[in-house]
Amino acid sequence: MKAEIFLPDDYRPVEDEPFMNERQIEYFRRKLMKWKEELVSDSKDTIETLQETTRNIPDVADRASEETDRALELRTQDRQRKLVAKIEAALRRIDEGEFGYCEVTGDPISLKRLDARPIATMTLEAQEQHERKERVHR
């Protein structure tokens, strides 16, 4: 097992240090792990709430409202599940040494973009081009 990397609580990656050095990698690993833990915890809470609130409601309007709420919760749950999968993929890219580089161009993804969206797999330019192509093909 590798040694723990010291990271001050106020550390933020900056452009003037080597790209994807040990500290940046550790920063993003911790950020992704924390995000994943929060999502998994929220997901467990939601499942428990849905299980506890399953009840027979005689009023049709109330039952419809309850079903709408449950459907919304389940959609949110599905979005979170997909997000956890993307976080796990980003953690794999960290382990494989591919994190922070565009999967299309191979260029470094800006630290600002990665800090805002650590699951990003493309530079902003490549992402915009991808979205333009997607719109054309719809």
N, C-alpha and C. Protein backbone atom coordinates (compact mmCIF):
# COMPACT_ATOMS: atom_id res chain seq x y z
N MET A 1 0.84 -1.19 0.00
CA MET A 1 0.00 0.00 0.00
C MET A 1 0.88 1.25 0.00
N LYS A 2 0.46 2.26 -0.76
CA LYS A 2 1.29 3.46 -0.83
C LYS A 2 1.08 4.36 0.37
N ALA A 3 2.06 5.21 0.60
CA ALA A 3 2.04 6.12 1.75
C ALA A 3 0.92 7.15 1.60
N GLU A 4 0.37 7.55 2.73
CA GLU A 4 -0.66 8.60 2.76
C GLU A 4 -0.03 9.92 2.31
N ILE A 5 -0.73 10.62 1.46
CA ILE A 5 -0.23 11.91 0.95
C ILE A 5 -0.82 13.02 1.81
N PHE A 6 0.06 13.86 2.36
CA PHE A 6 -0.41 14.98 3.19
C PHE A 6 -1.07 16.03 2.31
N LEU A 7 -2.25 16.42 2.71
CA LEU A 7 -3.00 17.42 1.97
C LEU A 7 -3.62 18.39 2.96
N PRO A 8 -3.14 19.65 3.00
CA PRO A 8 -3.74 20.62 3.92
C PRO A 8 -5.23 20.78 3.62
N ASP A 9 -6.01 21.08 4.66
CA ASP A 9 -7.47 21.23 4.49
C ASP A 9 -7.84 22.30 3.49
N ASP A 10 -7.00 23.34 3.37
CA ASP A 10 -7.32 24.45 2.47
C ASP A 10 -6.68 24.29 1.08
N TYR A 11 -6.13 23.10 0.81
CA TYR A 11 -5.46 22.89 -0.49
C TYR A 11 -6.45 22.97 -1.63
N ARG A 12 -6.07 23.67 -2.69
CA ARG A 12 -6.81 23.71 -3.96
C ARG A 12 -5.77 23.59 -5.06
N PRO A 13 -6.02 22.76 -6.06
CA PRO A 13 -5.07 22.65 -7.18
C PRO A 13 -4.92 24.00 -7.88
N VAL A 14 -3.70 24.32 -8.26
CA VAL A 14 -3.45 25.56 -8.99
C VAL A 14 -2.67 25.27 -10.27
N GLU A 15 -2.86 26.16 -11.26
CA GLU A 15 -2.29 25.98 -12.59
C GLU A 15 -0.75 25.97 -12.61
N ASP A 16 -0.11 26.64 -11.63
CA ASP A 16 1.35 26.77 -11.70
C ASP A 16 2.11 25.60 -11.06
N GLU A 17 1.40 24.54 -10.66
CA GLU A 17 2.09 23.34 -10.19
C GLU A 17 1.98 22.26 -11.28
N PRO A 18 2.84 21.26 -11.25
CA PRO A 18 2.77 20.23 -12.29
C PRO A 18 1.38 19.59 -12.36
N PHE A 19 0.85 19.45 -13.58
CA PHE A 19 -0.50 18.93 -13.78
C PHE A 19 -0.60 17.48 -13.31
N MET A 20 -1.61 17.19 -12.52
CA MET A 20 -1.91 15.87 -11.98
C MET A 20 -0.73 15.30 -11.17
N ASN A 21 -0.11 16.19 -10.37
CA ASN A 21 0.91 15.72 -9.43
C ASN A 21 0.22 14.95 -8.30
N GLU A 22 0.99 14.39 -7.39
CA GLU A 22 0.43 13.56 -6.32
C GLU A 22 -0.63 14.29 -5.49
N ARG A 23 -0.37 15.56 -5.21
CA ARG A 23 -1.31 16.32 -4.38
C ARG A 23 -2.63 16.55 -5.11
N GLN A 24 -2.55 16.88 -6.40
CA GLN A 24 -3.78 17.09 -7.18
C GLN A 24 -4.57 15.78 -7.27
N ILE A 25 -3.87 14.70 -7.55
CA ILE A 25 -4.53 13.39 -7.65
C ILE A 25 -5.24 13.06 -6.33
N GLU A 26 -4.53 13.27 -5.23
CA GLU A 26 -5.11 12.97 -3.92
C GLU A 26 -6.30 13.89 -3.62
N TYR A 27 -6.19 15.15 -4.01
CA TYR A 27 -7.29 16.10 -3.83
C TYR A 27 -8.55 15.60 -4.54
N PHE A 28 -8.39 15.21 -5.81
CA PHE A 28 -9.55 14.76 -6.58
C PHE A 28 -10.06 13.41 -6.09
N ARG A 29 -9.15 12.52 -5.68
CA ARG A 29 -9.59 11.23 -5.13
C ARG A 29 -10.48 11.45 -3.91
N ARG A 30 -10.02 12.31 -3.00
CA ARG A 30 -10.80 12.58 -1.77
C ARG A 30 -12.12 13.25 -2.10
N LYS A 31 -12.08 14.19 -3.03
CA LYS A 31 -13.31 14.90 -3.43
C LYS A 31 -14.33 13.91 -4.00
N LEU A 32 -13.88 13.01 -4.86
CA LEU A 32 -14.77 12.00 -5.46
C LEU A 32 -15.29 11.02 -4.40
N MET A 33 -14.41 10.58 -3.50
CA MET A 33 -14.84 9.63 -2.46
C MET A 33 -15.89 10.26 -1.54
N LYS A 34 -15.67 11.52 -1.17
CA LYS A 34 -16.62 12.22 -0.30
C LYS A 34 -17.98 12.36 -0.99
N TRP A 35 -17.94 12.74 -2.28
CA TRP A 35 -19.17 12.90 -3.06
C TRP A 35 -19.92 11.57 -3.14
N LYS A 36 -19.18 10.51 -3.41
CA LYS A 36 -19.79 9.18 -3.51
C LYS A 36 -20.43 8.78 -2.17
N GLU A 37 -19.71 9.00 -1.07
CA GLU A 37 -20.24 8.65 0.25
C GLU A 37 -21.54 9.42 0.53
N GLU A 38 -21.58 10.69 0.16
CA GLU A 38 -22.78 11.51 0.37
C GLU A 38 -23.95 10.96 -0.44
N LEU A 39 -23.69 10.61 -1.70
CA LEU A 39 -24.75 10.09 -2.57
C LEU A 39 -25.27 8.75 -2.05
N VAL A 40 -24.37 7.86 -1.65
CA VAL A 40 -24.77 6.55 -1.14
C VAL A 40 -25.57 6.71 0.14
N SER A 41 -25.15 7.62 1.01
CA SER A 41 -25.87 7.88 2.26
C SER A 41 -27.27 8.42 1.97
N ASP A 42 -27.35 9.41 1.06
CA ASP A 42 -28.66 9.96 0.67
C ASP A 42 -29.56 8.88 0.09
N SER A 43 -28.95 8.02 -0.71
CA SER A 43 -29.70 6.94 -1.35
C SER A 43 -30.29 5.98 -0.31
N LYS A 44 -29.49 5.64 0.69
CA LYS A 44 -29.98 4.75 1.76
C LYS A 44 -31.13 5.40 2.51
N ASP A 45 -30.97 6.71 2.80
CA ASP A 45 -32.03 7.44 3.50
C ASP A 45 -33.33 7.44 2.69
N THR A 46 -33.20 7.66 1.37
CA THR A 46 -34.36 7.69 0.50
C THR A 46 -35.07 6.33 0.48
N ILE A 47 -34.29 5.26 0.36
CA ILE A 47 -34.88 3.92 0.33
C ILE A 47 -35.61 3.64 1.63
N GLU A 48 -34.99 3.99 2.76
CA GLU A 48 -35.64 3.78 4.07
C GLU A 48 -36.94 4.57 4.15
N THR A 49 -36.90 5.82 3.68
CA THR A 49 -38.10 6.67 3.72
C THR A 49 -39.20 6.08 2.84
N LEU A 50 -38.82 5.62 1.64
CA LEU A 50 -39.83 5.03 0.75
C LEU A 50 -40.44 3.78 1.37
N GLN A 51 -39.61 2.97 2.03
CA GLN A 51 -40.13 1.75 2.66
C GLN A 51 -41.05 2.08 3.83
N GLU A 52 -40.70 3.10 4.59
CA GLU A 52 -41.50 3.48 5.76
C GLU A 52 -42.83 4.11 5.36
N THR A 53 -42.84 4.82 4.24
CA THR A 53 -44.05 5.56 3.86
C THR A 53 -44.98 4.76 2.96
N THR A 54 -44.64 3.53 2.66
CA THR A 54 -45.54 2.72 1.85
C THR A 54 -46.77 2.41 2.72
N ARG A 55 -47.89 2.93 2.28
CA ARG A 55 -49.11 2.72 3.05
C ARG A 55 -50.32 2.76 2.12
N ASN A 56 -51.39 2.25 2.60
CA ASN A 56 -52.63 2.22 1.83
C ASN A 56 -53.38 3.54 2.09
N ILE A 57 -53.53 4.33 1.05
CA ILE A 57 -54.20 5.63 1.19
C ILE A 57 -55.55 5.53 0.47
N PRO A 58 -56.63 5.65 1.23
CA PRO A 58 -57.96 5.48 0.61
C PRO A 58 -58.34 6.59 -0.37
N ASP A 59 -57.95 7.83 -0.10
CA ASP A 59 -58.32 8.94 -0.97
C ASP A 59 -57.53 8.87 -2.27
N VAL A 60 -58.25 8.88 -3.40
CA VAL A 60 -57.62 8.74 -4.72
C VAL A 60 -56.66 9.88 -5.02
N ALA A 61 -57.05 11.11 -4.70
CA ALA A 61 -56.18 12.26 -4.97
C ALA A 61 -54.91 12.20 -4.13
N ASP A 62 -55.06 11.84 -2.86
CA ASP A 62 -53.89 11.71 -1.99
C ASP A 62 -52.97 10.59 -2.48
N ARG A 63 -53.59 9.49 -2.90
CA ARG A 63 -52.80 8.35 -3.39
C ARG A 63 -52.04 8.75 -4.67
N ALA A 64 -52.69 9.50 -5.56
CA ALA A 64 -52.04 9.96 -6.79
C ALA A 64 -50.87 10.88 -6.46
N SER A 65 -51.08 11.75 -5.50
CA SER A 65 -50.01 12.67 -5.08
C SER A 65 -48.83 11.87 -4.51
N GLU A 66 -49.14 10.90 -3.68
CA GLU A 66 -48.10 10.04 -3.08
C GLU A 66 -47.33 9.29 -4.17
N GLU A 67 -48.05 8.77 -5.16
CA GLU A 67 -47.40 8.03 -6.26
C GLU A 67 -46.49 8.95 -7.08
N THR A 68 -46.93 10.19 -7.29
CA THR A 68 -46.11 11.16 -8.02
C THR A 68 -44.83 11.44 -7.25
N ASP A 69 -44.96 11.62 -5.94
CA ASP A 69 -43.79 11.86 -5.09
C ASP A 69 -42.83 10.68 -5.15
N ARG A 70 -43.38 9.47 -5.08
CA ARG A 70 -42.54 8.25 -5.13
C ARG A 70 -41.83 8.14 -6.47
N ALA A 71 -42.54 8.44 -7.55
CA ALA A 71 -41.93 8.36 -8.89
C ALA A 71 -40.77 9.36 -9.00
N LEU A 72 -40.99 10.56 -8.46
CA LEU A 72 -39.93 11.58 -8.47
C LEU A 72 -38.72 11.10 -7.66
N GLU A 73 -38.98 10.53 -6.48
CA GLU A 73 -37.89 10.00 -5.64
C GLU A 73 -37.13 8.90 -6.38
N LEU A 74 -37.85 8.04 -7.07
CA LEU A 74 -37.21 6.94 -7.80
C LEU A 74 -36.38 7.46 -8.98
N ARG A 75 -36.87 8.49 -9.65
CA ARG A 75 -36.08 9.10 -10.74
C ARG A 75 -34.80 9.72 -10.20
N THR A 76 -34.94 10.41 -9.08
CA THR A 76 -33.77 11.02 -8.44
C THR A 76 -32.79 9.93 -8.03
N GLN A 77 -33.32 8.86 -7.47
CA GLN A 77 -32.52 7.71 -7.06
C GLN A 77 -31.75 7.14 -8.26
N ASP A 78 -32.40 7.04 -9.40
CA ASP A 78 -31.76 6.50 -10.61
C ASP A 78 -30.65 7.44 -11.09
N ARG A 79 -30.91 8.75 -11.04
CA ARG A 79 -29.89 9.73 -11.42
C ARG A 79 -28.67 9.61 -10.51
N GLN A 80 -28.92 9.45 -9.22
CA GLN A 80 -27.82 9.32 -8.25
C GLN A 80 -27.03 8.04 -8.50
N ARG A 81 -27.73 6.97 -8.84
CA ARG A 81 -27.06 5.69 -9.13
C ARG A 81 -26.13 5.85 -10.32
N LYS A 82 -26.60 6.55 -11.36
CA LYS A 82 -25.77 6.79 -12.55
C LYS A 82 -24.58 7.68 -12.21
N LEU A 83 -24.80 8.65 -11.32
CA LEU A 83 -23.73 9.54 -10.90
C LEU A 83 -22.66 8.77 -10.12
N VAL A 84 -23.09 7.86 -9.25
CA VAL A 84 -22.14 7.03 -8.50
C VAL A 84 -21.29 6.20 -9.47
N ALA A 85 -21.92 5.69 -10.53
CA ALA A 85 -21.16 4.92 -11.53
C ALA A 85 -20.11 5.81 -12.21
N LYS A 86 -20.47 7.06 -12.49
CA LYS A 86 -19.52 7.98 -13.11
C LYS A 86 -18.38 8.32 -12.15
N ILE A 87 -18.70 8.45 -10.87
CA ILE A 87 -17.68 8.72 -9.86
C ILE A 87 -16.72 7.53 -9.77
N GLU A 88 -17.28 6.32 -9.77
CA GLU A 88 -16.43 5.12 -9.73
C GLU A 88 -15.54 5.04 -10.96
N ALA A 89 -16.06 5.43 -12.11
CA ALA A 89 -15.25 5.44 -13.34
C ALA A 89 -14.11 6.46 -13.21
N ALA A 90 -14.40 7.62 -12.61
CA ALA A 90 -13.36 8.64 -12.41
C ALA A 90 -12.29 8.12 -11.46
N LEU A 91 -12.70 7.42 -10.41
CA LEU A 91 -11.73 6.84 -9.47
C LEU A 91 -10.86 5.79 -10.16
N ARG A 92 -11.46 5.02 -11.07
CA ARG A 92 -10.68 4.05 -11.86
C ARG A 92 -9.66 4.76 -12.73
N ARG A 93 -10.09 5.90 -13.34
CA ARG A 93 -9.15 6.67 -14.18
C ARG A 93 -7.99 7.20 -13.33
N ILE A 94 -8.28 7.56 -12.09
CA ILE A 94 -7.20 7.98 -11.19
C ILE A 94 -6.22 6.82 -11.00
N ASP A 95 -6.75 5.65 -10.68
CA ASP A 95 -5.90 4.47 -10.46
C ASP A 95 -5.09 4.10 -11.70
N GLU A 96 -5.67 4.34 -12.87
CA GLU A 96 -5.00 3.98 -14.13
C GLU A 96 -4.13 5.11 -14.68
N GLY A 97 -4.09 6.25 -13.98
CA GLY A 97 -3.26 7.36 -14.42
C GLY A 97 -3.82 8.15 -15.60
N GLU A 98 -5.12 8.01 -15.85
CA GLU A 98 -5.75 8.69 -16.99
C GLU A 98 -6.61 9.87 -16.56
N PHE A 99 -6.77 10.07 -15.25
CA PHE A 99 -7.64 11.13 -14.75
C PHE A 99 -7.10 12.50 -15.13
N GLY A 100 -8.01 13.39 -15.53
CA GLY A 100 -7.64 14.77 -15.82
C GLY A 100 -7.31 15.03 -17.27
N TYR A 101 -7.33 13.99 -18.08
CA TYR A 101 -7.00 14.14 -19.51
C TYR A 101 -8.23 13.82 -20.35
N CYS A 102 -8.43 14.61 -21.39
CA CYS A 102 -9.58 14.46 -22.28
C CYS A 102 -9.54 13.12 -22.99
N GLU A 103 -10.66 12.39 -22.97
CA GLU A 103 -10.71 11.09 -23.64
C GLU A 103 -10.77 11.23 -25.16
N VAL A 104 -11.03 12.44 -25.66
CA VAL A 104 -11.11 12.67 -27.10
C VAL A 104 -9.77 13.18 -27.64
N THR A 105 -9.23 14.22 -27.00
CA THR A 105 -8.03 14.88 -27.52
C THR A 105 -6.75 14.47 -26.78
N GLY A 106 -6.90 13.97 -25.56
CA GLY A 106 -5.73 13.65 -24.74
C GLY A 106 -5.15 14.86 -24.03
N ASP A 107 -5.74 16.04 -24.27
CA ASP A 107 -5.27 17.26 -23.63
C ASP A 107 -5.68 17.29 -22.15
N PRO A 108 -4.94 18.02 -21.32
CA PRO A 108 -5.35 18.19 -19.92
C PRO A 108 -6.69 18.93 -19.85
N ILE A 109 -7.56 18.48 -18.96
CA ILE A 109 -8.82 19.16 -18.68
C ILE A 109 -8.49 20.24 -17.65
N SER A 110 -9.03 21.43 -17.80
CA SER A 110 -8.67 22.52 -16.89
C SER A 110 -9.00 22.16 -15.44
N LEU A 111 -8.14 22.60 -14.54
CA LEU A 111 -8.34 22.33 -13.11
C LEU A 111 -9.65 22.95 -12.63
N LYS A 112 -10.00 24.10 -13.19
CA LYS A 112 -11.25 24.77 -12.81
C LYS A 112 -12.45 23.87 -13.17
N ARG A 113 -12.41 23.28 -14.36
CA ARG A 113 -13.49 22.38 -14.79
C ARG A 113 -13.52 21.13 -13.92
N LEU A 114 -12.35 20.55 -13.66
CA LEU A 114 -12.30 19.34 -12.84
C LEU A 114 -12.76 19.60 -11.42
N ASP A 115 -12.44 20.78 -10.89
CA ASP A 115 -12.86 21.09 -9.53
C ASP A 115 -14.38 21.22 -9.47
N ALA A 116 -14.97 21.81 -10.51
CA ALA A 116 -16.43 21.98 -10.57
C ALA A 116 -17.13 20.66 -10.90
N ARG A 117 -16.50 19.85 -11.76
CA ARG A 117 -17.11 18.60 -12.22
C ARG A 117 -16.03 17.53 -12.32
N PRO A 118 -15.66 16.93 -11.18
CA PRO A 118 -14.54 15.97 -11.18
C PRO A 118 -14.79 14.69 -11.98
N ILE A 119 -16.02 14.49 -12.47
CA ILE A 119 -16.29 13.32 -13.30
C ILE A 119 -16.11 13.63 -14.79
N ALA A 120 -15.70 14.88 -15.10
CA ALA A 120 -15.53 15.28 -16.50
C ALA A 120 -14.52 14.38 -17.20
N THR A 121 -14.85 14.01 -18.44
CA THR A 121 -13.95 13.16 -19.23
C THR A 121 -13.44 13.88 -20.46
N MET A 122 -13.93 15.11 -20.69
CA MET A 122 -13.51 15.88 -21.86
C MET A 122 -13.20 17.31 -21.48
N THR A 123 -12.34 17.94 -22.28
CA THR A 123 -12.12 19.38 -22.11
C THR A 123 -13.43 20.08 -22.46
N LEU A 124 -13.55 21.31 -22.04
CA LEU A 124 -14.77 22.07 -22.33
C LEU A 124 -15.01 22.16 -23.84
N GLU A 125 -13.94 22.39 -24.59
CA GLU A 125 -14.05 22.51 -26.05
C GLU A 125 -14.55 21.20 -26.67
N ALA A 126 -13.96 20.08 -26.25
CA ALA A 126 -14.37 18.77 -26.78
C ALA A 126 -15.82 18.46 -26.39
N GLN A 127 -16.20 18.82 -25.17
CA GLN A 127 -17.57 18.60 -24.70
C GLN A 127 -18.56 19.41 -25.52
N GLU A 128 -18.23 20.68 -25.78
CA GLU A 128 -19.12 21.53 -26.57
C GLU A 128 -19.25 20.99 -28.00
N GLN A 129 -18.15 20.55 -28.57
CA GLN A 129 -18.19 19.97 -29.92
C GLN A 129 -19.04 18.70 -29.94
N HIS A 130 -18.89 17.87 -28.92
CA HIS A 130 -19.67 16.64 -28.78
C HIS A 130 -21.17 16.95 -28.70
N GLU A 131 -21.51 17.98 -27.91
CA GLU A 131 -22.92 18.35 -27.76
C GLU A 131 -23.48 18.93 -29.05
N ARG A 132 -22.67 19.69 -29.80
CA ARG A 132 -23.13 20.23 -31.10
C ARG A 132 -23.43 19.07 -32.06
N LYS A 133 -22.53 18.09 -32.12
CA LYS A 133 -22.75 16.92 -32.99
C LYS A 133 -24.00 16.17 -32.58
N GLU A 134 -24.21 16.02 -31.26
CA GLU A 134 -25.38 15.32 -30.74
C GLU A 134 -26.67 16.02 -31.18
N ARG A 135 -26.68 17.35 -31.09
CA ARG A 135 -27.87 18.11 -31.50
C ARG A 135 -28.15 17.93 -32.99
N VAL A 136 -27.11 17.91 -33.80
CA VAL A 136 -27.27 17.75 -35.25
C VAL A 136 -27.86 16.37 -35.58
N HIS A 137 -27.43 15.35 -34.85
CA HIS A 137 -27.86 13.98 -35.14
C HIS A 137 -29.24 13.64 -34.57
N ARG A 138 -29.83 14.53 -33.78
CA ARG A 138 -31.15 14.26 -33.22
C ARG A 138 -32.23 14.50 -34.20
